[in-house]
PDB file of N, CA and C in Angstrom:
ATOM      1  N   MET A   1       2.845   7.059  17.069  1.00  0.00           N
ATOM      2  CA  MET A   1       1.573   7.101  16.366  1.00  0.00           C
ATOM      3  C   MET A   1       1.586   5.998  15.303  1.00  0.00           C
ATOM      4  N   ILE A   2       0.614   5.142  15.388  1.00  0.00           N
ATOM      5  CA  ILE A   2       0.467   4.066  14.406  1.00  0.00           C
ATOM      6  C   ILE A   2      -0.230   4.646  13.178  1.00  0.00           C
ATOM      7  N   GLN A   3       0.246   4.297  11.995  1.00  0.00           N
ATOM      8  CA  GLN A   3      -0.349   4.793  10.755  1.00  0.00           C
ATOM      9  C   GLN A   3      -0.944   3.637   9.973  1.00  0.00           C
ATOM     10  N   LEU A   4      -2.193   3.820   9.550  1.00  0.00           N
ATOM     11  CA  LEU A   4      -2.889   2.807   8.770  1.00  0.00           C
ATOM     12  C   LEU A   4      -3.346   3.408   7.452  1.00  0.00           C
ATOM     13  N   ASP A   5      -3.107   2.713   6.358  1.00  0.00           N
ATOM     14  CA  ASP A   5      -3.594   3.127   5.043  1.00  0.00           C
ATOM     15  C   ASP A   5      -4.787   2.243   4.715  1.00  0.00           C
ATOM     16  N   MET A   6      -5.969   2.782   4.868  1.00  0.00           N
ATOM     17  CA  MET A   6      -7.195   2.026   4.650  1.00  0.00           C
ATOM     18  C   MET A   6      -7.924   2.467   3.382  1.00  0.00           C
ATOM     19  N   ARG A   7      -7.209   3.143   2.481  1.00  0.00           N
ATOM     20  CA  ARG A   7      -7.835   3.535   1.215  1.00  0.00           C
ATOM     21  C   ARG A   7      -8.286   2.283   0.477  1.00  0.00           C
ATOM     22  N   GLY A   8      -9.481   2.361  -0.071  1.00  0.00           N
ATOM     23  CA  GLY A   8     -10.042   1.228  -0.797  1.00  0.00           C
ATOM     24  C   GLY A   8     -10.777   0.231   0.082  1.00  0.00           C
ATOM     25  N   GLN A   9     -10.741   0.434   1.387  1.00  0.00           N
ATOM     26  CA  GLN A   9     -11.417  -0.458   2.330  1.00  0.00           C
ATOM     27  C   GLN A   9     -12.756   0.157   2.733  1.00  0.00           C
ATOM     28  N   SER A  10     -13.809  -0.613   2.638  1.00  0.00           N
ATOM     29  CA  SER A  10     -15.113  -0.098   3.046  1.00  0.00           C
ATOM     30  C   SER A  10     -15.332  -0.384   4.526  1.00  0.00           C
ATOM     31  N   CYS A  11     -16.215   0.392   5.123  1.00  0.00           N
ATOM     32  CA  CYS A  11     -16.541   0.201   6.538  1.00  0.00           C
ATOM     33  C   CYS A  11     -17.229  -1.137   6.703  1.00  0.00           C
ATOM     34  N   PRO A  12     -16.953  -1.800   7.771  1.00  0.00           N
ATOM     35  CA  PRO A  12     -16.328  -1.336   9.012  1.00  0.00           C
ATOM     36  C   PRO A  12     -14.831  -1.623   9.104  1.00  0.00           C
ATOM     37  N   ILE A  13     -14.178  -2.034   8.036  1.00  0.00           N
ATOM     38  CA  ILE A  13     -12.770  -2.434   8.108  1.00  0.00           C
ATOM     39  C   ILE A  13     -11.876  -1.344   8.709  1.00  0.00           C
ATOM     40  N   PRO A  14     -11.953  -0.065   8.272  1.00  0.00           N
ATOM     41  CA  PRO A  14     -11.085   0.949   8.891  1.00  0.00           C
ATOM     42  C   PRO A  14     -11.319   1.092  10.399  1.00  0.00           C
ATOM     43  N   VAL A  15     -12.557   0.999  10.822  1.00  0.00           N
ATOM     44  CA  VAL A  15     -12.885   1.120  12.247  1.00  0.00           C
ATOM     45  C   VAL A  15     -12.320  -0.067  13.023  1.00  0.00           C
ATOM     46  N   VAL A  16     -12.505  -1.258  12.503  1.00  0.00           N
ATOM     47  CA  VAL A  16     -12.018  -2.471  13.168  1.00  0.00           C
ATOM     48  C   VAL A  16     -10.495  -2.442  13.285  1.00  0.00           C
ATOM     49  N   LYS A  17      -9.809  -2.067  12.204  1.00  0.00           N
ATOM     50  CA  LYS A  17      -8.338  -2.027  12.213  1.00  0.00           C
ATOM     51  C   LYS A  17      -7.825  -0.938  13.163  1.00  0.00           C
ATOM     52  N   ALA A  18      -8.495   0.220  13.185  1.00  0.00           N
ATOM     53  CA  ALA A  18      -8.074   1.302  14.077  1.00  0.00           C
ATOM     54  C   ALA A  18      -8.258   0.891  15.536  1.00  0.00           C
ATOM     55  N   LYS A  19      -9.374   0.268  15.844  1.00  0.00           N
ATOM     56  CA  LYS A  19      -9.639  -0.164  17.217  1.00  0.00           C
ATOM     57  C   LYS A  19      -8.598  -1.194  17.652  1.00  0.00           C
ATOM     58  N   LYS A  20      -8.265  -2.117  16.766  1.00  0.00           N
ATOM     59  CA  LYS A  20      -7.248  -3.132  17.069  1.00  0.00           C
ATOM     60  C   LYS A  20      -5.885  -2.479  17.293  1.00  0.00           C
ATOM     61  N   ALA A  21      -5.544  -1.492  16.463  1.00  0.00           N
ATOM     62  CA  ALA A  21      -4.254  -0.805  16.596  1.00  0.00           C
ATOM     63  C   ALA A  21      -4.171  -0.064  17.927  1.00  0.00           C
ATOM     64  N   LEU A  22      -5.266   0.545  18.349  1.00  0.00           N
ATOM     65  CA  LEU A  22      -5.275   1.298  19.597  1.00  0.00           C
ATOM     66  C   LEU A  22      -5.135   0.401  20.824  1.00  0.00           C
ATOM     67  N   LYS A  23      -5.416  -0.875  20.678  1.00  0.00           N
ATOM     68  CA  LYS A  23      -5.291  -1.816  21.791  1.00  0.00           C
ATOM     69  C   LYS A  23      -3.880  -2.365  21.941  1.00  0.00           C
ATOM     70  N   GLN A  24      -2.991  -2.050  20.997  1.00  0.00           N
ATOM     71  CA  GLN A  24      -1.620  -2.529  21.093  1.00  0.00           C
ATOM     72  C   GLN A  24      -0.937  -1.869  22.293  1.00  0.00           C
ATOM     73  N   PRO A  25      -0.095  -2.606  22.992  1.00  0.00           N
ATOM     74  CA  PRO A  25       0.604  -2.036  24.152  1.00  0.00           C
ATOM     75  C   PRO A  25       1.399  -0.787  23.772  1.00  0.00           C
ATOM     76  N   GLY A  26       1.205   0.261  24.522  1.00  0.00           N
ATOM     77  CA  GLY A  26       1.941   1.498  24.302  1.00  0.00           C
ATOM     78  C   GLY A  26       1.402   2.385  23.200  1.00  0.00           C
ATOM     79  N   ALA A  27       0.320   1.987  22.558  1.00  0.00           N
ATOM     80  CA  ALA A  27      -0.246   2.797  21.471  1.00  0.00           C
ATOM     81  C   ALA A  27      -0.846   4.074  22.045  1.00  0.00           C
ATOM     82  N   ALA A  28      -0.344   5.206  21.586  1.00  0.00           N
ATOM     83  CA  ALA A  28      -0.859   6.496  22.053  1.00  0.00           C
ATOM     84  C   ALA A  28      -1.886   7.069  21.090  1.00  0.00           C
ATOM     85  N   GLY A  29      -1.907   6.536  19.879  1.00  0.00           N
ATOM     86  CA  GLY A  29      -2.854   7.036  18.900  1.00  0.00           C
ATOM     87  C   GLY A  29      -2.677   6.341  17.568  1.00  0.00           C
ATOM     88  N   VAL A  30      -3.608   6.635  16.667  1.00  0.00           N
ATOM     89  CA  VAL A  30      -3.565   6.053  15.332  1.00  0.00           C
ATOM     90  C   VAL A  30      -3.991   7.100  14.312  1.00  0.00           C
ATOM     91  N   SER A  31      -3.290   7.107  13.191  1.00  0.00           N
ATOM     92  CA  SER A  31      -3.617   7.964  12.058  1.00  0.00           C
ATOM     93  C   SER A  31      -4.118   7.046  10.947  1.00  0.00           C
ATOM     94  N   VAL A  32      -5.326   7.314  10.457  1.00  0.00           N
ATOM     95  CA  VAL A  32      -5.953   6.423   9.484  1.00  0.00           C
ATOM     96  C   VAL A  32      -6.227   7.190   8.193  1.00  0.00           C
ATOM     97  N   LEU A  33      -5.629   6.737   7.105  1.00  0.00           N
ATOM     98  CA  LEU A  33      -5.844   7.326   5.791  1.00  0.00           C
ATOM     99  C   LEU A  33      -6.988   6.579   5.128  1.00  0.00           C
ATOM    100  N   VAL A  34      -8.056   7.308   4.794  1.00  0.00           N
ATOM    101  CA  VAL A  34      -9.233   6.708   4.155  1.00  0.00           C
ATOM    102  C   VAL A  34      -9.627   7.522   2.934  1.00  0.00           C
ATOM    103  N   ASP A  35     -10.494   6.932   2.104  1.00  0.00           N
ATOM    104  CA  ASP A  35     -10.885   7.607   0.879  1.00  0.00           C
ATOM    105  C   ASP A  35     -12.388   7.850   0.768  1.00  0.00           C
ATOM    106  N   ASN A  36     -13.044   7.895   1.932  1.00  0.00           N
ATOM    107  CA  ASN A  36     -14.472   8.236   1.903  1.00  0.00           C
ATOM    108  C   ASN A  36     -14.895   8.871   3.225  1.00  0.00           C
ATOM    109  N   LYS A  37     -15.837   9.763   3.120  1.00  0.00           N
ATOM    110  CA  LYS A  37     -16.302  10.534   4.272  1.00  0.00           C
ATOM    111  C   LYS A  37     -17.036   9.660   5.296  1.00  0.00           C
ATOM    112  N   ILE A  38     -17.705   8.615   4.825  1.00  0.00           N
ATOM    113  CA  ILE A  38     -18.415   7.715   5.742  1.00  0.00           C
ATOM    114  C   ILE A  38     -17.442   7.065   6.724  1.00  0.00           C
ATOM    115  N   ALA A  39     -16.282   6.662   6.238  1.00  0.00           N
ATOM    116  CA  ALA A  39     -15.273   6.067   7.128  1.00  0.00           C
ATOM    117  C   ALA A  39     -14.838   7.075   8.183  1.00  0.00           C
ATOM    118  N   VAL A  40     -14.668   8.331   7.791  1.00  0.00           N
ATOM    119  CA  VAL A  40     -14.296   9.377   8.748  1.00  0.00           C
ATOM    120  C   VAL A  40     -15.380   9.505   9.820  1.00  0.00           C
ATOM    121  N   GLU A  41     -16.632   9.544   9.391  1.00  0.00           N
ATOM    122  CA  GLU A  41     -17.739   9.676  10.340  1.00  0.00           C
ATOM    123  C   GLU A  41     -17.798   8.484  11.295  1.00  0.00           C
ATOM    124  N   ASN A  42     -17.578   7.295  10.776  1.00  0.00           N
ATOM    125  CA  ASN A  42     -17.610   6.100  11.631  1.00  0.00           C
ATOM    126  C   ASN A  42     -16.425   6.057  12.585  1.00  0.00           C
ATOM    127  N   LEU A  43     -15.259   6.506  12.143  1.00  0.00           N
ATOM    128  CA  LEU A  43     -14.104   6.590  13.037  1.00  0.00           C
ATOM    129  C   LEU A  43     -14.360   7.606  14.149  1.00  0.00           C
ATOM    130  N   GLN A  44     -15.020   8.702  13.815  1.00  0.00           N
ATOM    131  CA  GLN A  44     -15.340   9.700  14.836  1.00  0.00           C
ATOM    132  C   GLN A  44     -16.330   9.141  15.858  1.00  0.00           C
ATOM    133  N   LYS A  45     -17.319   8.407  15.390  1.00  0.00           N
ATOM    134  CA  LYS A  45     -18.284   7.792  16.313  1.00  0.00           C
ATOM    135  C   LYS A  45     -17.578   6.834  17.272  1.00  0.00           C
ATOM    136  N   MET A  46     -16.651   6.043  16.725  1.00  0.00           N
ATOM    137  CA  MET A  46     -15.910   5.115  17.572  1.00  0.00           C
ATOM    138  C   MET A  46     -15.078   5.883  18.601  1.00  0.00           C
ATOM    139  N   ALA A  47     -14.380   6.919  18.145  1.00  0.00           N
ATOM    140  CA  ALA A  47     -13.541   7.717  19.044  1.00  0.00           C
ATOM    141  C   ALA A  47     -14.382   8.333  20.156  1.00  0.00           C
ATOM    142  N   ASP A  48     -15.516   8.893  19.800  1.00  0.00           N
ATOM    143  CA  ASP A  48     -16.400   9.498  20.799  1.00  0.00           C
ATOM    144  C   ASP A  48     -16.888   8.452  21.803  1.00  0.00           C
ATOM    145  N   GLY A  49     -17.255   7.286  21.314  1.00  0.00           N
ATOM    146  CA  GLY A  49     -17.766   6.230  22.174  1.00  0.00           C
ATOM    147  C   GLY A  49     -16.725   5.660  23.121  1.00  0.00           C
ATOM    148  N   LEU A  50     -15.469   5.667  22.693  1.00  0.00           N
ATOM    149  CA  LEU A  50     -14.402   5.100  23.518  1.00  0.00           C
ATOM    150  C   LEU A  50     -13.615   6.150  24.295  1.00  0.00           C
ATOM    151  N   GLY A  51     -13.941   7.423  24.082  1.00  0.00           N
ATOM    152  CA  GLY A  51     -13.274   8.483  24.837  1.00  0.00           C
ATOM    153  C   GLY A  51     -11.931   8.919  24.292  1.00  0.00           C
ATOM    154  N   TYR A  52     -11.706   8.769  22.988  1.00  0.00           N
ATOM    155  CA  TYR A  52     -10.461   9.221  22.361  1.00  0.00           C
ATOM    156  C   TYR A  52     -10.653  10.611  21.780  1.00  0.00           C
ATOM    157  N   ASP A  53      -9.581  11.386  21.723  1.00  0.00           N
ATOM    158  CA  ASP A  53      -9.620  12.655  20.999  1.00  0.00           C
ATOM    159  C   ASP A  53      -9.621  12.330  19.517  1.00  0.00           C
ATOM    160  N   PHE A  54     -10.325  13.147  18.721  1.00  0.00           N
ATOM    161  CA  PHE A  54     -10.459  12.870  17.293  1.00  0.00           C
ATOM    162  C   PHE A  54     -10.298  14.157  16.496  1.00  0.00           C
ATOM    163  N   SER A  55      -9.603  14.040  15.383  1.00  0.00           N
ATOM    164  CA  SER A  55      -9.529  15.129  14.422  1.00  0.00           C
ATOM    165  C   SER A  55      -9.339  14.515  13.049  1.00  0.00           C
ATOM    166  N   PHE A  56      -9.650  15.289  12.017  1.00  0.00           N
ATOM    167  CA  PHE A  56      -9.403  14.813  10.666  1.00  0.00           C
ATOM    168  C   PHE A  56      -9.140  16.000   9.760  1.00  0.00           C
ATOM    169  N   LYS A  57      -8.505  15.714   8.633  1.00  0.00           N
ATOM    170  CA  LYS A  57      -8.316  16.741   7.619  1.00  0.00           C
ATOM    171  C   LYS A  57      -8.438  16.094   6.253  1.00  0.00           C
ATOM    172  N   GLU A  58      -8.940  16.867   5.312  1.00  0.00           N
ATOM    173  CA  GLU A  58      -9.024  16.402   3.938  1.00  0.00           C
ATOM    174  C   GLU A  58      -7.661  16.629   3.310  1.00  0.00           C
ATOM    175  N   THR A  59      -7.043  15.566   2.855  1.00  0.00           N
ATOM    176  CA  THR A  59      -5.674  15.657   2.347  1.00  0.00           C
ATOM    177  C   THR A  59      -5.600  15.574   0.825  1.00  0.00           C
ATOM    178  N   GLY A  60      -6.732  15.392   0.187  1.00  0.00           N
ATOM    179  CA  GLY A  60      -6.763  15.322  -1.271  1.00  0.00           C
ATOM    180  C   GLY A  60      -8.193  15.141  -1.734  1.00  0.00           C
ATOM    181  N   ASP A  61      -8.354  14.913  -3.012  1.00  0.00           N
ATOM    182  CA  ASP A  61      -9.680  14.687  -3.560  1.00  0.00           C
ATOM    183  C   ASP A  61     -10.212  13.360  -3.036  1.00  0.00           C
ATOM    184  N   SER A  62     -11.211  13.425  -2.177  1.00  0.00           N
ATOM    185  CA  SER A  62     -11.790  12.241  -1.531  1.00  0.00           C
ATOM    186  C   SER A  62     -10.741  11.434  -0.768  1.00  0.00           C
ATOM    187  N   GLU A  63      -9.854  12.127  -0.093  1.00  0.00           N
ATOM    188  CA  GLU A  63      -8.848  11.471   0.735  1.00  0.00           C
ATOM    189  C   GLU A  63      -8.771  12.220   2.056  1.00  0.00           C
ATOM    190  N   TYR A  64      -8.833  11.465   3.147  1.00  0.00           N
ATOM    191  CA  TYR A  64      -8.874  12.061   4.483  1.00  0.00           C
ATOM    192  C   TYR A  64      -7.901  11.348   5.398  1.00  0.00           C
ATOM    193  N   THR A  65      -7.356  12.103   6.332  1.00  0.00           N
ATOM    194  CA  THR A  65      -6.545  11.525   7.394  1.00  0.00           C
ATOM    195  C   THR A  65      -7.265  11.775   8.704  1.00  0.00           C
ATOM    196  N   ALA A  66      -7.678  10.695   9.348  1.00  0.00           N
ATOM    197  CA  ALA A  66      -8.340  10.773  10.647  1.00  0.00           C
ATOM    198  C   ALA A  66      -7.345  10.381  11.722  1.00  0.00           C
ATOM    199  N   VAL A  67      -7.326  11.157  12.807  1.00  0.00           N
ATOM    200  CA  VAL A  67      -6.370  10.901  13.882  1.00  0.00           C
ATOM    201  C   VAL A  67      -7.145  10.690  15.183  1.00  0.00           C
ATOM    202  N   LEU A  68      -6.885   9.552  15.805  1.00  0.00           N
ATOM    203  CA  LEU A  68      -7.478   9.216  17.092  1.00  0.00           C
ATOM    204  C   LEU A  68      -6.360   9.127  18.103  1.00  0.00           C
ATOM    205  N   VAL A  69      -6.504   9.835  19.211  1.00  0.00           N
ATOM    206  CA  VAL A  69      -5.451   9.895  20.222  1.00  0.00           C
ATOM    207  C   VAL A  69      -6.038   9.525  21.582  1.00  0.00           C
ATOM    208  N   VAL A  70      -5.321   8.675  22.281  1.00  0.00           N
ATOM    209  CA  VAL A  70      -5.727   8.291  23.628  1.00  0.00           C
ATOM    210  C   VAL A  70      -5.589   9.516  24.528  1.00  0.00           C
ATOM    211  N   ARG A  71      -6.630   9.838  25.263  1.00  0.00           N
ATOM    212  CA  ARG A  71      -6.584  10.979  26.178  1.00  0.00           C
ATOM    213  C   ARG A  71      -5.634  10.671  27.320  1.00  0.00           C
ATOM    214  N   LYS A  72      -4.921  11.664  27.757  1.00  0.00           N
ATOM    215  CA  LYS A  72      -3.912  11.490  28.799  1.00  0.00           C
ATOM    216  C   LYS A  72      -4.516  11.041  30.126  1.00  0.00           C
ATOM    217  N   ASP A  73      -5.787  11.353  30.358  1.00  0.00           N
ATOM    218  CA  ASP A  73      -6.427  10.995  31.618  1.00  0.00           C
ATOM    219  C   ASP A  73      -6.977   9.571  31.617  1.00  0.00           C
ATOM    220  N   GLN A  74      -6.711   8.799  30.566  1.00  0.00           N
ATOM    221  CA  GLN A  74      -7.223   7.421  30.511  1.00  0.00           C
ATOM    222  C   GLN A  74      -6.145   6.452  30.913  1.00  0.00           C
TER     223      GLN A  74
END
């Protein structure tokens, strides 16, 4: 699982970096730490559009960890 710390980065940077990370050879998923709900929503839209599994959890005050995982059937 690739981990990205995108706190302090405004959209679309977290989405662009996550998409790039998922294209790396052998990447099964990416965990993205962000500090705003909009980034979480945009990461979910990307995951839905590309067919990745998506989940997130609030890990602190205005801090979220979004996880995108390549589906096994892809």
